[in-house]
């Protein structure tokens, strides 16, 4: 079984991060019964300190033993449904994933598109993915609003509205031959402890995002097991979120 992680800055991670992709890899190593592979056209982490015009990506991971073949993904800092919809088809055609694990939407709503436009790009993404692989499975994570939602009521409302539109899209487009799951937003996710800056996940946040995907896979399709670490998470170095 071949897995492809698709996401924005919360998924690609910065140089020195573990990332929720790493936590998911650990989970698959511990629970997946059979052969699997993590695939994708990219393997980098983002380096936000990179000077303009210089190389912006390196492979400096928090755990140097994270295997290179498990670091693959289709994620980008500042990229959302708007950016991934045009590229998901070619990525699937080349790397042949069976399951997409997708965390997108916050960057769209924050900078590029409103909830209706973001929902349209979500549906386009699903259509392009299925055009490349009609039986591909998908697990979609709702948007987790960031610290901006605390003081920007219209933005918070757009996040909530998009999540409702996302649920509607999953209900409309789910099909036996190409199922789509809506993962549960982590119920205990807290910006002050589960992010390092009000947006990007800290170690505890990484675990909770991975758990959302892992538990959806296990409950619906019997893939892997329950995310055992989910009940043992202790926030590390709580962020000061303003």
Foldseek 3Di string as FASTA:
>chain_A
DEEAEEEELLAQAAQQEQGLLNVLVVLCVVFFDDDYFYAADDQWHAHVVDDPPDDGTDNRYNDPPSDSRSRHHHYYYLDALVRQLVPLLVGCLVTVGQEYEYEGDQSCLVPNHFLVVRLVSVLSSVVSNCVNPVQREYEYEQDDHFPVVVPDVVSVVRSVVNSVSVVVSQVVPADPSYGYHYFYHQPPDDQQQQAQERHHGDVLVSLSSSQRVVVRCCVPPNGTHHSVCNVVDDGDPGHDYD
